[in-house]
């Protein structure tokens, strides 16, 4: 007996819907985790060091930023290309870019959340189907009620409920954690771009350097014990 035959015997007519939701959830979670890992493993951008090194040579700064693929480098390069525009225009460009990046980071999470909601309902549907099968078996039974007459329907009811919950819990957890991570990542990016936007207008000082790519302030880091 194959694994699919074993699942079909335990889940009945809901085998395919539950397997499909499981497969889609796994694909989305793996793809999103790869995106997160790629971003987290990207080399941290030394913003303060770059600005100090290329303070008077923005062309070289743009070339160095363009050679990197991290979100921080792409965002700073975008603003640097708009250096001749007004600060308000650069802020609008940065906001649109951040909105697009947040949509990319959260791609598939709504579907994952839908699966987390729908899979327990599929399990509940299996519970109802199992109970209906059990009552049909009892209605047609000529003798007394035996445990064997109840086992089939109750087994289907419990198995589908458990399968739906086993799909929903990881999907719900992953959707929430990945959503929180993407929002925090975009918030740090927005903070960094706001500082850089002011730097382009010459509004900066040694007392107020730019934060690094992780949102840590250099002065605060130096003062930490």
N, C-alpha and C. Protein backbone atom coordinates (compact mmCIF):
# COMPACT_ATOMS: atom_id res chain seq x y z
N UNK A 1 0.84 -1.20 0.00
CA UNK A 1 0.00 0.00 0.00
C UNK A 1 0.88 1.25 0.00
N UNK A 2 0.61 2.16 -0.93
CA UNK A 2 1.40 3.38 -1.04
C UNK A 2 0.97 4.39 0.03
N UNK A 3 1.77 5.45 0.16
CA UNK A 3 1.46 6.49 1.13
C UNK A 3 0.15 7.19 0.79
N UNK A 4 -0.09 7.40 -0.51
CA UNK A 4 -1.34 8.05 -0.91
C UNK A 4 -2.54 7.17 -0.59
N UNK A 5 -2.40 5.86 -0.80
CA UNK A 5 -3.50 4.97 -0.45
C UNK A 5 -3.78 4.99 1.05
N UNK A 6 -2.71 5.07 1.84
CA UNK A 6 -2.89 5.12 3.28
C UNK A 6 -3.59 6.41 3.70
N UNK A 7 -3.19 7.53 3.08
CA UNK A 7 -3.84 8.80 3.39
C UNK A 7 -5.30 8.80 2.94
N UNK A 8 -5.55 8.20 1.78
CA UNK A 8 -6.93 8.14 1.28
C UNK A 8 -7.82 7.33 2.21
N UNK A 9 -7.26 6.26 2.78
CA UNK A 9 -8.04 5.45 3.70
C UNK A 9 -8.36 6.21 4.98
N UNK A 10 -7.50 7.14 5.36
CA UNK A 10 -7.72 7.86 6.61
C UNK A 10 -8.46 9.19 6.42
N UNK A 11 -8.30 9.81 5.24
CA UNK A 11 -8.88 11.13 5.03
C UNK A 11 -10.08 11.12 4.09
N UNK A 12 -10.29 10.03 3.40
CA UNK A 12 -11.47 9.91 2.54
C UNK A 12 -11.44 10.86 1.36
N UNK A 13 -12.59 11.46 1.06
CA UNK A 13 -12.73 12.32 -0.12
C UNK A 13 -12.00 13.64 0.01
N UNK A 14 -11.54 13.98 1.21
CA UNK A 14 -10.82 15.24 1.41
C UNK A 14 -9.31 15.09 1.29
N UNK A 15 -8.85 13.94 0.83
CA UNK A 15 -7.41 13.72 0.70
C UNK A 15 -6.77 14.73 -0.24
N UNK A 16 -7.34 14.87 -1.45
CA UNK A 16 -6.77 15.79 -2.43
C UNK A 16 -6.83 17.25 -1.99
N UNK A 17 -7.97 17.77 -1.49
CA UNK A 17 -7.96 19.16 -1.03
C UNK A 17 -6.95 19.44 0.08
N UNK A 18 -6.84 18.52 1.03
CA UNK A 18 -5.88 18.73 2.12
C UNK A 18 -4.43 18.65 1.63
N UNK A 19 -4.16 17.71 0.74
CA UNK A 19 -2.81 17.61 0.19
C UNK A 19 -2.46 18.84 -0.65
N UNK A 20 -3.43 19.35 -1.39
CA UNK A 20 -3.19 20.54 -2.21
C UNK A 20 -2.87 21.75 -1.34
N UNK A 21 -3.66 21.95 -0.28
CA UNK A 21 -3.38 23.08 0.60
C UNK A 21 -2.02 22.93 1.29
N UNK A 22 -1.67 21.70 1.66
CA UNK A 22 -0.37 21.46 2.28
C UNK A 22 0.76 21.78 1.30
N UNK A 23 0.62 21.35 0.05
CA UNK A 23 1.66 21.58 -0.94
C UNK A 23 1.84 23.07 -1.21
N UNK A 24 0.74 23.79 -1.39
CA UNK A 24 0.83 25.24 -1.65
C UNK A 24 1.46 25.96 -0.46
N UNK A 25 1.06 25.59 0.75
CA UNK A 25 1.63 26.22 1.94
C UNK A 25 3.13 25.97 2.04
N UNK A 26 3.56 24.75 1.76
CA UNK A 26 4.99 24.43 1.83
C UNK A 26 5.78 25.20 0.79
N UNK A 27 5.25 25.32 -0.42
CA UNK A 27 5.94 26.06 -1.48
C UNK A 27 6.10 27.53 -1.09
N UNK A 28 5.02 28.14 -0.59
CA UNK A 28 5.09 29.56 -0.21
C UNK A 28 6.07 29.75 0.94
N UNK A 29 6.00 28.91 1.96
CA UNK A 29 6.89 29.07 3.12
C UNK A 29 8.35 28.90 2.72
N UNK A 30 8.66 27.90 1.91
CA UNK A 30 10.05 27.69 1.49
C UNK A 30 10.56 28.86 0.66
N UNK A 31 9.73 29.35 -0.26
CA UNK A 31 10.16 30.46 -1.12
C UNK A 31 10.38 31.73 -0.31
N UNK A 32 9.47 32.01 0.64
CA UNK A 32 9.62 33.21 1.47
C UNK A 32 10.83 33.10 2.40
N UNK A 33 11.08 31.90 2.92
CA UNK A 33 12.24 31.71 3.80
C UNK A 33 13.54 31.89 3.02
N UNK A 34 13.55 31.49 1.76
CA UNK A 34 14.74 31.70 0.93
C UNK A 34 14.97 33.18 0.68
N UNK A 35 13.90 33.93 0.43
CA UNK A 35 14.02 35.38 0.26
C UNK A 35 14.56 36.03 1.53
N UNK A 36 14.02 35.63 2.68
CA UNK A 36 14.48 36.19 3.94
C UNK A 36 15.94 35.84 4.20
N UNK A 37 16.31 34.60 3.94
CA UNK A 37 17.70 34.18 4.17
C UNK A 37 18.66 34.94 3.26
N UNK A 38 18.26 35.14 2.01
CA UNK A 38 19.12 35.88 1.07
C UNK A 38 19.33 37.31 1.54
N UNK A 39 18.29 37.94 2.07
CA UNK A 39 18.41 39.31 2.54
C UNK A 39 19.22 39.38 3.83
N UNK A 40 19.00 38.44 4.74
CA UNK A 40 19.73 38.46 6.01
C UNK A 40 21.20 38.14 5.82
N UNK A 41 21.52 37.31 4.83
CA UNK A 41 22.91 36.91 4.60
C UNK A 41 23.66 37.89 3.71
N UNK A 42 22.96 38.88 3.16
CA UNK A 42 23.65 39.87 2.34
C UNK A 42 24.59 40.69 3.22
N UNK A 43 25.68 41.11 2.65
CA UNK A 43 26.70 41.82 3.42
C UNK A 43 26.14 43.13 3.96
N UNK A 44 26.35 43.37 5.25
CA UNK A 44 25.86 44.60 5.87
C UNK A 44 26.54 45.81 5.24
N UNK A 45 25.73 46.78 4.88
CA UNK A 45 26.24 47.96 4.18
C UNK A 45 26.85 48.95 5.19
N UNK A 46 28.16 49.26 5.09
CA UNK A 46 28.79 50.22 6.02
C UNK A 46 28.48 51.65 5.57
N UNK A 47 27.28 52.14 5.90
CA UNK A 47 26.82 53.42 5.37
C UNK A 47 27.73 54.56 5.79
N UNK A 48 28.00 54.67 7.09
CA UNK A 48 28.83 55.77 7.57
C UNK A 48 30.22 55.75 6.92
N UNK A 49 30.78 54.56 6.76
CA UNK A 49 32.11 54.45 6.15
C UNK A 49 32.07 54.86 4.69
N UNK A 50 31.04 54.45 3.98
CA UNK A 50 30.92 54.80 2.56
C UNK A 50 30.79 56.31 2.37
N UNK A 51 29.97 56.94 3.20
CA UNK A 51 29.76 58.38 3.07
C UNK A 51 31.02 59.16 3.43
N UNK A 52 31.74 58.68 4.42
CA UNK A 52 32.99 59.35 4.79
C UNK A 52 34.03 59.18 3.68
N UNK A 53 34.05 58.04 3.03
CA UNK A 53 35.05 57.76 2.01
C UNK A 53 34.76 58.52 0.71
N UNK A 54 33.48 58.66 0.38
CA UNK A 54 33.11 59.29 -0.90
C UNK A 54 32.31 60.57 -0.67
N UNK A 55 32.66 61.31 0.36
CA UNK A 55 31.90 62.52 0.71
C UNK A 55 31.90 63.52 -0.44
N UNK A 56 32.99 63.61 -1.19
CA UNK A 56 33.10 64.61 -2.26
C UNK A 56 33.08 63.96 -3.64
N UNK A 57 32.75 62.72 -3.72
CA UNK A 57 32.72 62.03 -5.02
C UNK A 57 31.48 61.16 -5.07
N UNK A 58 30.35 61.77 -5.40
CA UNK A 58 29.09 61.04 -5.42
C UNK A 58 29.02 60.04 -6.56
N UNK A 59 29.74 60.31 -7.64
CA UNK A 59 29.75 59.36 -8.75
C UNK A 59 30.37 58.03 -8.31
N UNK A 60 31.45 58.10 -7.56
CA UNK A 60 32.08 56.88 -7.05
C UNK A 60 31.19 56.19 -6.03
N UNK A 61 30.50 56.99 -5.20
CA UNK A 61 29.58 56.41 -4.23
C UNK A 61 28.45 55.68 -4.93
N UNK A 62 27.91 56.28 -6.01
CA UNK A 62 26.84 55.63 -6.76
C UNK A 62 27.33 54.33 -7.40
N UNK A 63 28.57 54.36 -7.92
CA UNK A 63 29.12 53.16 -8.55
C UNK A 63 29.27 52.03 -7.53
N UNK A 64 29.72 52.36 -6.32
CA UNK A 64 29.90 51.33 -5.30
C UNK A 64 28.56 50.79 -4.81
N UNK A 65 27.57 51.68 -4.66
CA UNK A 65 26.24 51.23 -4.24
C UNK A 65 25.59 50.37 -5.32
N UNK A 66 25.77 50.74 -6.58
CA UNK A 66 25.15 50.00 -7.68
C UNK A 66 25.75 48.61 -7.85
N UNK A 67 26.97 48.41 -7.33
CA UNK A 67 27.61 47.11 -7.47
C UNK A 67 27.09 46.09 -6.46
N UNK A 68 26.28 46.54 -5.48
CA UNK A 68 25.75 45.66 -4.45
C UNK A 68 24.27 45.40 -4.70
N UNK A 69 23.78 44.28 -4.19
CA UNK A 69 22.42 43.84 -4.49
C UNK A 69 21.48 43.89 -3.27
N UNK A 70 21.97 44.33 -2.15
CA UNK A 70 21.12 44.38 -0.96
C UNK A 70 20.08 45.47 -1.12
N UNK A 71 18.99 45.37 -0.34
CA UNK A 71 17.94 46.39 -0.40
C UNK A 71 18.47 47.75 0.03
N UNK A 72 19.35 47.78 1.03
CA UNK A 72 19.89 49.05 1.49
C UNK A 72 20.65 49.76 0.37
N UNK A 73 21.52 49.02 -0.31
CA UNK A 73 22.32 49.61 -1.38
C UNK A 73 21.42 50.07 -2.53
N UNK A 74 20.41 49.28 -2.88
CA UNK A 74 19.52 49.66 -3.97
C UNK A 74 18.73 50.93 -3.62
N UNK A 75 18.28 51.03 -2.37
CA UNK A 75 17.52 52.20 -1.97
C UNK A 75 18.38 53.46 -1.96
N UNK A 76 19.60 53.36 -1.42
CA UNK A 76 20.48 54.52 -1.40
C UNK A 76 20.88 54.94 -2.80
N UNK A 77 21.13 53.97 -3.67
CA UNK A 77 21.48 54.30 -5.05
C UNK A 77 20.32 55.00 -5.75
N UNK A 78 19.10 54.56 -5.46
CA UNK A 78 17.92 55.20 -6.06
C UNK A 78 17.85 56.67 -5.66
N UNK A 79 18.03 56.96 -4.37
CA UNK A 79 17.97 58.35 -3.92
C UNK A 79 19.14 59.16 -4.49
N UNK A 80 20.31 58.53 -4.59
CA UNK A 80 21.47 59.26 -5.08
C UNK A 80 21.29 59.66 -6.54
N UNK A 81 20.58 58.82 -7.30
CA UNK A 81 20.31 59.18 -8.71
C UNK A 81 19.35 60.36 -8.81
N UNK A 82 18.56 60.58 -7.74
CA UNK A 82 17.61 61.69 -7.71
C UNK A 82 18.16 62.88 -6.91
N UNK A 83 19.48 62.97 -6.77
CA UNK A 83 20.07 63.99 -5.91
C UNK A 83 19.77 65.40 -6.37
N UNK A 84 19.51 65.58 -7.66
CA UNK A 84 19.23 66.92 -8.17
C UNK A 84 17.78 67.35 -7.97
N UNK A 85 16.94 66.42 -7.53
CA UNK A 85 15.54 66.76 -7.28
C UNK A 85 15.40 67.39 -5.88
N UNK A 86 14.21 67.91 -5.62
CA UNK A 86 13.96 68.48 -4.29
C UNK A 86 13.81 67.35 -3.28
N UNK A 87 13.93 67.73 -2.00
CA UNK A 87 13.81 66.72 -0.96
C UNK A 87 12.43 66.07 -0.96
N UNK A 88 11.38 66.86 -1.23
CA UNK A 88 10.03 66.31 -1.25
C UNK A 88 9.87 65.27 -2.36
N UNK A 89 10.45 65.54 -3.51
CA UNK A 89 10.38 64.59 -4.62
C UNK A 89 11.12 63.31 -4.26
N UNK A 90 12.29 63.46 -3.65
CA UNK A 90 13.05 62.26 -3.26
C UNK A 90 12.29 61.46 -2.21
N UNK A 91 11.61 62.13 -1.28
CA UNK A 91 10.83 61.41 -0.28
C UNK A 91 9.70 60.62 -0.94
N UNK A 92 9.05 61.21 -1.93
CA UNK A 92 7.98 60.50 -2.62
C UNK A 92 8.51 59.29 -3.38
N UNK A 93 9.65 59.48 -4.04
CA UNK A 93 10.28 58.36 -4.74
C UNK A 93 10.65 57.25 -3.77
N UNK A 94 11.20 57.61 -2.61
CA UNK A 94 11.59 56.61 -1.60
C UNK A 94 10.36 55.89 -1.05
N UNK A 95 9.28 56.62 -0.81
CA UNK A 95 8.06 55.99 -0.29
C UNK A 95 7.48 54.99 -1.28
N UNK A 96 7.45 55.35 -2.56
CA UNK A 96 6.95 54.43 -3.58
C UNK A 96 7.84 53.20 -3.68
N UNK A 97 9.14 53.42 -3.62
CA UNK A 97 10.07 52.29 -3.70
C UNK A 97 9.91 51.37 -2.50
N UNK A 98 9.76 51.95 -1.31
CA UNK A 98 9.57 51.13 -0.11
C UNK A 98 8.27 50.35 -0.18
N UNK A 99 7.21 50.97 -0.70
CA UNK A 99 5.93 50.26 -0.82
C UNK A 99 6.06 49.07 -1.75
N UNK A 100 6.78 49.24 -2.85
CA UNK A 100 6.99 48.12 -3.77
C UNK A 100 7.82 47.02 -3.13
N UNK A 101 8.85 47.40 -2.38
CA UNK A 101 9.69 46.39 -1.72
C UNK A 101 8.90 45.63 -0.66
N UNK A 102 8.02 46.33 0.06
CA UNK A 102 7.21 45.65 1.07
C UNK A 102 6.26 44.66 0.42
N UNK A 103 5.70 45.03 -0.72
CA UNK A 103 4.83 44.10 -1.44
C UNK A 103 5.61 42.87 -1.89
N UNK A 104 6.85 43.07 -2.31
CA UNK A 104 7.68 41.93 -2.72
C UNK A 104 7.97 41.02 -1.53
N UNK A 105 8.33 41.62 -0.39
CA UNK A 105 8.67 40.82 0.78
C UNK A 105 7.46 40.08 1.35
N UNK A 106 6.25 40.61 1.13
CA UNK A 106 5.04 39.99 1.67
C UNK A 106 4.27 39.20 0.62
N UNK A 107 4.89 38.99 -0.53
CA UNK A 107 4.21 38.26 -1.59
C UNK A 107 3.90 36.83 -1.14
N UNK A 108 2.66 36.42 -1.34
CA UNK A 108 2.24 35.07 -1.00
C UNK A 108 1.74 34.91 0.42
N UNK A 109 1.95 35.91 1.27
CA UNK A 109 1.55 35.77 2.67
C UNK A 109 0.03 35.81 2.84
N UNK A 110 -0.68 36.55 1.99
CA UNK A 110 -2.13 36.57 2.08
C UNK A 110 -2.70 35.20 1.72
N UNK A 111 -2.13 34.56 0.70
CA UNK A 111 -2.57 33.22 0.35
C UNK A 111 -2.24 32.24 1.47
N UNK A 112 -1.08 32.41 2.09
CA UNK A 112 -0.71 31.55 3.21
C UNK A 112 -1.68 31.72 4.37
N UNK A 113 -2.08 32.94 4.63
CA UNK A 113 -3.05 33.20 5.69
C UNK A 113 -4.41 32.59 5.33
N UNK A 114 -4.78 32.66 4.05
CA UNK A 114 -6.04 32.05 3.61
C UNK A 114 -6.02 30.54 3.82
N UNK A 115 -4.88 29.92 3.54
CA UNK A 115 -4.74 28.49 3.76
C UNK A 115 -4.86 28.17 5.25
N UNK A 116 -4.26 29.04 6.09
CA UNK A 116 -4.35 28.82 7.54
C UNK A 116 -5.78 28.90 8.03
N UNK A 117 -6.62 29.69 7.36
CA UNK A 117 -8.02 29.79 7.75
C UNK A 117 -8.85 28.67 7.14
N UNK A 118 -8.54 28.30 5.89
CA UNK A 118 -9.37 27.34 5.17
C UNK A 118 -9.12 25.89 5.57
N UNK A 119 -7.88 25.56 5.93
CA UNK A 119 -7.58 24.15 6.21
C UNK A 119 -8.33 23.62 7.44
N UNK A 120 -8.50 24.37 8.53
CA UNK A 120 -9.33 23.84 9.62
C UNK A 120 -10.79 23.66 9.21
N UNK A 121 -11.26 24.53 8.29
CA UNK A 121 -12.63 24.37 7.79
C UNK A 121 -12.76 23.11 6.96
N UNK A 122 -11.72 22.78 6.20
CA UNK A 122 -11.73 21.51 5.48
C UNK A 122 -11.76 20.34 6.46
N UNK A 123 -10.97 20.47 7.53
CA UNK A 123 -11.00 19.43 8.56
C UNK A 123 -12.36 19.31 9.21
N UNK A 124 -13.04 20.44 9.43
CA UNK A 124 -14.39 20.41 9.99
C UNK A 124 -15.37 19.77 9.01
N UNK A 125 -15.19 20.06 7.73
CA UNK A 125 -16.04 19.41 6.73
C UNK A 125 -15.83 17.90 6.76
N UNK A 126 -14.57 17.47 6.91
CA UNK A 126 -14.30 16.04 7.02
C UNK A 126 -14.95 15.45 8.25
N UNK A 127 -14.99 16.22 9.34
CA UNK A 127 -15.66 15.75 10.55
C UNK A 127 -17.14 15.50 10.30
N UNK A 128 -17.78 16.44 9.61
CA UNK A 128 -19.21 16.29 9.31
C UNK A 128 -19.44 15.09 8.40
N UNK A 129 -18.58 14.95 7.39
CA UNK A 129 -18.72 13.81 6.47
C UNK A 129 -18.54 12.49 7.22
N UNK A 130 -17.55 12.44 8.11
CA UNK A 130 -17.34 11.22 8.88
C UNK A 130 -18.52 10.88 9.77
N UNK A 131 -19.10 11.90 10.40
CA UNK A 131 -20.27 11.65 11.25
C UNK A 131 -21.47 11.20 10.43
N UNK A 132 -21.64 11.78 9.25
CA UNK A 132 -22.74 11.36 8.38
C UNK A 132 -22.57 9.90 7.95
N UNK A 133 -21.32 9.54 7.63
CA UNK A 133 -21.07 8.14 7.26
C UNK A 133 -21.35 7.21 8.44
N UNK A 134 -20.98 7.65 9.64
CA UNK A 134 -21.23 6.82 10.82
C UNK A 134 -22.73 6.63 11.04
N UNK A 135 -23.52 7.70 10.91
CA UNK A 135 -24.96 7.59 11.12
C UNK A 135 -25.62 6.76 10.02
N UNK A 136 -25.10 6.89 8.80
CA UNK A 136 -25.64 6.04 7.72
C UNK A 136 -25.38 4.57 8.00
N UNK A 137 -24.18 4.29 8.52
CA UNK A 137 -23.87 2.90 8.85
C UNK A 137 -24.74 2.38 9.98
N UNK A 138 -25.03 3.24 10.95
CA UNK A 138 -25.89 2.81 12.05
C UNK A 138 -27.33 2.60 11.58
N UNK A 139 -27.76 3.42 10.64
CA UNK A 139 -29.14 3.30 10.15
C UNK A 139 -29.36 2.01 9.39
N UNK A 140 -28.34 1.54 8.71
CA UNK A 140 -28.48 0.33 7.92
C UNK A 140 -28.06 -0.92 8.67
N UNK A 141 -27.52 -0.76 9.88
CA UNK A 141 -27.07 -1.93 10.65
C UNK A 141 -28.29 -2.69 11.17
N UNK A 142 -28.26 -4.00 11.01
CA UNK A 142 -29.39 -4.83 11.45
C UNK A 142 -29.25 -5.27 12.91
N UNK A 143 -28.01 -5.39 13.38
CA UNK A 143 -27.80 -5.83 14.75
C UNK A 143 -27.63 -4.66 15.69
N UNK A 144 -27.03 -4.91 16.83
CA UNK A 144 -26.78 -3.86 17.80
C UNK A 144 -25.59 -3.00 17.38
N UNK A 145 -25.45 -1.89 18.07
CA UNK A 145 -24.35 -0.98 17.77
C UNK A 145 -23.06 -1.53 18.37
N UNK A 146 -22.07 -1.67 17.53
CA UNK A 146 -20.77 -2.20 17.96
C UNK A 146 -19.70 -1.14 17.73
N UNK A 147 -18.56 -1.27 18.41
CA UNK A 147 -17.47 -0.31 18.18
C UNK A 147 -17.01 -0.28 16.73
N UNK A 148 -17.08 -1.42 16.04
CA UNK A 148 -16.65 -1.46 14.64
C UNK A 148 -17.55 -0.59 13.77
N UNK A 149 -18.83 -0.51 14.11
CA UNK A 149 -19.74 0.30 13.33
C UNK A 149 -19.48 1.79 13.50
N UNK A 150 -18.89 2.17 14.63
CA UNK A 150 -18.60 3.57 14.90
C UNK A 150 -17.19 3.99 14.47
N UNK A 151 -16.30 3.02 14.38
CA UNK A 151 -14.88 3.34 14.19
C UNK A 151 -14.61 4.05 12.87
N UNK A 152 -15.22 3.58 11.77
CA UNK A 152 -14.92 4.16 10.46
C UNK A 152 -15.25 5.63 10.38
N UNK A 153 -16.48 6.01 10.72
CA UNK A 153 -16.90 7.40 10.63
C UNK A 153 -16.17 8.30 11.61
N UNK A 154 -16.02 7.81 12.86
CA UNK A 154 -15.31 8.62 13.85
C UNK A 154 -13.83 8.78 13.49
N UNK A 155 -13.25 7.72 12.94
CA UNK A 155 -11.85 7.81 12.53
C UNK A 155 -11.65 8.85 11.44
N UNK A 156 -12.53 8.85 10.43
CA UNK A 156 -12.45 9.86 9.38
C UNK A 156 -12.64 11.27 9.94
N UNK A 157 -13.59 11.42 10.86
CA UNK A 157 -13.85 12.73 11.44
C UNK A 157 -12.64 13.25 12.20
N UNK A 158 -12.00 12.43 13.01
CA UNK A 158 -10.86 12.88 13.80
C UNK A 158 -9.63 13.09 12.93
N UNK A 159 -9.42 12.22 11.94
CA UNK A 159 -8.24 12.34 11.09
C UNK A 159 -8.25 13.62 10.26
N UNK A 160 -9.39 13.95 9.68
CA UNK A 160 -9.45 15.18 8.87
C UNK A 160 -9.31 16.42 9.74
N UNK A 161 -9.89 16.39 10.92
CA UNK A 161 -9.73 17.54 11.83
C UNK A 161 -8.27 17.73 12.19
N UNK A 162 -7.60 16.65 12.54
CA UNK A 162 -6.18 16.74 12.89
C UNK A 162 -5.34 17.21 11.71
N UNK A 163 -5.64 16.70 10.50
CA UNK A 163 -4.88 17.10 9.31
C UNK A 163 -5.05 18.59 9.03
N UNK A 164 -6.28 19.09 9.14
CA UNK A 164 -6.52 20.51 8.92
C UNK A 164 -5.76 21.38 9.89
N UNK A 165 -5.73 20.98 11.16
CA UNK A 165 -5.01 21.76 12.17
C UNK A 165 -3.50 21.68 11.96
N UNK A 166 -3.00 20.53 11.55
CA UNK A 166 -1.57 20.39 11.31
C UNK A 166 -1.10 21.24 10.13
N UNK A 167 -1.99 21.50 9.19
CA UNK A 167 -1.65 22.39 8.08
C UNK A 167 -1.77 23.85 8.51
N UNK A 168 -2.81 24.15 9.29
CA UNK A 168 -3.10 25.54 9.64
C UNK A 168 -2.05 26.14 10.58
N UNK A 169 -1.61 25.40 11.56
CA UNK A 169 -0.71 25.96 12.58
C UNK A 169 0.62 26.45 11.99
N UNK A 170 1.34 25.64 11.20
CA UNK A 170 2.58 26.17 10.60
C UNK A 170 2.32 27.31 9.63
N UNK A 171 1.23 27.22 8.85
CA UNK A 171 0.94 28.28 7.88
C UNK A 171 0.65 29.60 8.59
N UNK A 172 -0.14 29.55 9.65
CA UNK A 172 -0.48 30.76 10.40
C UNK A 172 0.76 31.35 11.07
N UNK A 173 1.58 30.50 11.67
CA UNK A 173 2.80 30.97 12.33
C UNK A 173 3.77 31.61 11.33
N UNK A 174 3.96 30.94 10.19
CA UNK A 174 4.88 31.46 9.18
C UNK A 174 4.38 32.78 8.61
N UNK A 175 3.08 32.87 8.32
CA UNK A 175 2.53 34.11 7.77
C UNK A 175 2.72 35.27 8.74
N UNK A 176 2.50 35.03 10.02
CA UNK A 176 2.64 36.10 11.01
C UNK A 176 4.10 36.51 11.16
N UNK A 177 5.01 35.55 11.32
CA UNK A 177 6.41 35.89 11.55
C UNK A 177 7.04 36.54 10.32
N UNK A 178 6.73 36.02 9.13
CA UNK A 178 7.28 36.62 7.92
C UNK A 178 6.73 38.02 7.69
N UNK A 179 5.45 38.21 8.02
CA UNK A 179 4.87 39.55 7.89
C UNK A 179 5.52 40.54 8.84
N UNK A 180 5.76 40.11 10.09
CA UNK A 180 6.42 40.97 11.06
C UNK A 180 7.84 41.31 10.62
N UNK A 181 8.55 40.32 10.09
CA UNK A 181 9.92 40.56 9.63
C UNK A 181 9.94 41.56 8.48
N UNK A 182 9.05 41.41 7.51
CA UNK A 182 9.05 42.32 6.36
C UNK A 182 8.70 43.74 6.78
N UNK A 183 7.76 43.89 7.71
CA UNK A 183 7.42 45.24 8.18
C UNK A 183 8.59 45.89 8.91
N UNK A 184 9.27 45.12 9.74
CA UNK A 184 10.43 45.67 10.46
C UNK A 184 11.55 46.01 9.48
N UNK A 185 11.76 45.16 8.49
CA UNK A 185 12.82 45.41 7.51
C UNK A 185 12.54 46.70 6.75
N UNK A 186 11.31 46.89 6.32
CA UNK A 186 10.96 48.09 5.57
C UNK A 186 11.00 49.33 6.46
N UNK A 187 10.66 49.19 7.74
CA UNK A 187 10.76 50.33 8.65
C UNK A 187 12.20 50.77 8.82
N UNK A 188 13.13 49.82 8.96
CA UNK A 188 14.55 50.16 9.06
C UNK A 188 15.06 50.79 7.77
N UNK A 189 14.58 50.27 6.64
CA UNK A 189 14.97 50.85 5.36
C UNK A 189 14.47 52.30 5.25
N UNK A 190 13.23 52.53 5.66
CA UNK A 190 12.69 53.88 5.61
C UNK A 190 13.47 54.84 6.48
N UNK A 191 13.89 54.37 7.67
CA UNK A 191 14.68 55.19 8.59
C UNK A 191 16.02 55.54 7.95
N UNK A 192 16.65 54.57 7.33
CA UNK A 192 17.94 54.79 6.68
C UNK A 192 17.81 55.75 5.51
N UNK A 193 16.77 55.59 4.68
CA UNK A 193 16.59 56.45 3.52
C UNK A 193 16.26 57.88 3.94
N UNK A 194 15.53 58.06 5.03
CA UNK A 194 15.23 59.41 5.51
C UNK A 194 16.49 60.14 5.92
N UNK A 195 17.38 59.44 6.63
CA UNK A 195 18.66 60.05 7.01
C UNK A 195 19.49 60.39 5.78
N UNK A 196 19.52 59.46 4.83
CA UNK A 196 20.32 59.69 3.62
C UNK A 196 19.75 60.85 2.80
N UNK A 197 18.44 60.98 2.78
CA UNK A 197 17.80 62.08 2.05
C UNK A 197 18.24 63.42 2.64
N UNK A 198 18.32 63.50 3.96
CA UNK A 198 18.81 64.72 4.59
C UNK A 198 20.29 64.94 4.29
N UNK A 199 21.05 63.87 4.26
CA UNK A 199 22.48 63.97 3.96
C UNK A 199 22.72 64.55 2.58
N UNK A 200 21.85 64.20 1.63
CA UNK A 200 22.00 64.73 0.27
C UNK A 200 21.82 66.24 0.23
N UNK A 201 21.05 66.78 1.16
CA UNK A 201 20.86 68.23 1.24
C UNK A 201 21.88 68.90 2.16
N UNK A 202 22.85 68.13 2.63
CA UNK A 202 23.87 68.69 3.51
C UNK A 202 23.45 68.82 4.95
N UNK A 203 22.34 68.21 5.33
CA UNK A 203 21.86 68.29 6.70
C UNK A 203 22.40 67.08 7.45
N UNK A 204 23.61 67.21 7.94
CA UNK A 204 24.24 66.14 8.70
C UNK A 204 25.38 66.74 9.51
N UNK A 205 25.80 66.04 10.52
CA UNK A 205 26.90 66.50 11.36
C UNK A 205 27.57 65.30 11.99
N UNK A 206 28.66 65.54 12.62
CA UNK A 206 29.34 64.45 13.30
C UNK A 206 28.52 63.93 14.47
N UNK A 207 27.67 64.79 15.06
CA UNK A 207 26.86 64.35 16.18
C UNK A 207 25.66 63.54 15.74
N UNK A 208 25.27 63.64 14.45
CA UNK A 208 24.09 62.93 13.96
C UNK A 208 24.44 62.14 12.71
N UNK A 209 25.31 61.14 12.81
CA UNK A 209 25.65 60.33 11.64
C UNK A 209 24.49 59.41 11.26
N UNK A 210 24.59 58.84 10.07
CA UNK A 210 23.54 57.94 9.61
C UNK A 210 23.61 56.63 10.37
N UNK A 211 22.46 55.98 10.58
CA UNK A 211 22.46 54.63 11.15
C UNK A 211 23.00 53.66 10.12
N UNK A 212 23.42 52.49 10.59
CA UNK A 212 23.89 51.49 9.64
C UNK A 212 22.70 50.73 9.07
N UNK A 213 23.00 49.69 8.29
CA UNK A 213 21.95 48.97 7.57
C UNK A 213 20.99 48.25 8.48
N UNK A 214 21.43 47.94 9.70
CA UNK A 214 20.55 47.24 10.64
C UNK A 214 19.77 48.21 11.53
N UNK A 215 19.95 49.51 11.32
CA UNK A 215 19.23 50.48 12.11
C UNK A 215 19.96 50.91 13.37
N UNK A 216 21.20 50.46 13.55
CA UNK A 216 21.96 50.82 14.74
C UNK A 216 22.65 52.16 14.54
N UNK A 217 22.57 53.01 15.52
CA UNK A 217 23.18 54.33 15.43
C UNK A 217 24.64 54.24 15.85
N UNK A 218 25.59 54.74 15.02
CA UNK A 218 27.00 54.61 15.36
C UNK A 218 27.36 55.25 16.70
N UNK A 219 26.82 56.43 16.98
CA UNK A 219 27.15 57.10 18.25
C UNK A 219 26.67 56.25 19.43
N UNK A 220 25.47 55.71 19.32
CA UNK A 220 24.94 54.89 20.39
C UNK A 220 25.78 53.64 20.56
N UNK A 221 26.26 53.10 19.45
CA UNK A 221 27.09 51.89 19.54
C UNK A 221 28.40 52.19 20.25
N UNK A 222 28.96 53.40 19.99
CA UNK A 222 30.22 53.74 20.65
C UNK A 222 30.03 53.96 22.14
N UNK A 223 28.86 54.46 22.51
CA UNK A 223 28.63 54.74 23.92
C UNK A 223 28.19 53.51 24.71
N UNK A 224 27.83 52.45 24.03
CA UNK A 224 27.38 51.25 24.73
C UNK A 224 28.54 50.64 25.50
N UNK A 225 28.27 50.05 26.67
CA UNK A 225 29.35 49.46 27.48
C UNK A 225 29.90 48.22 26.81
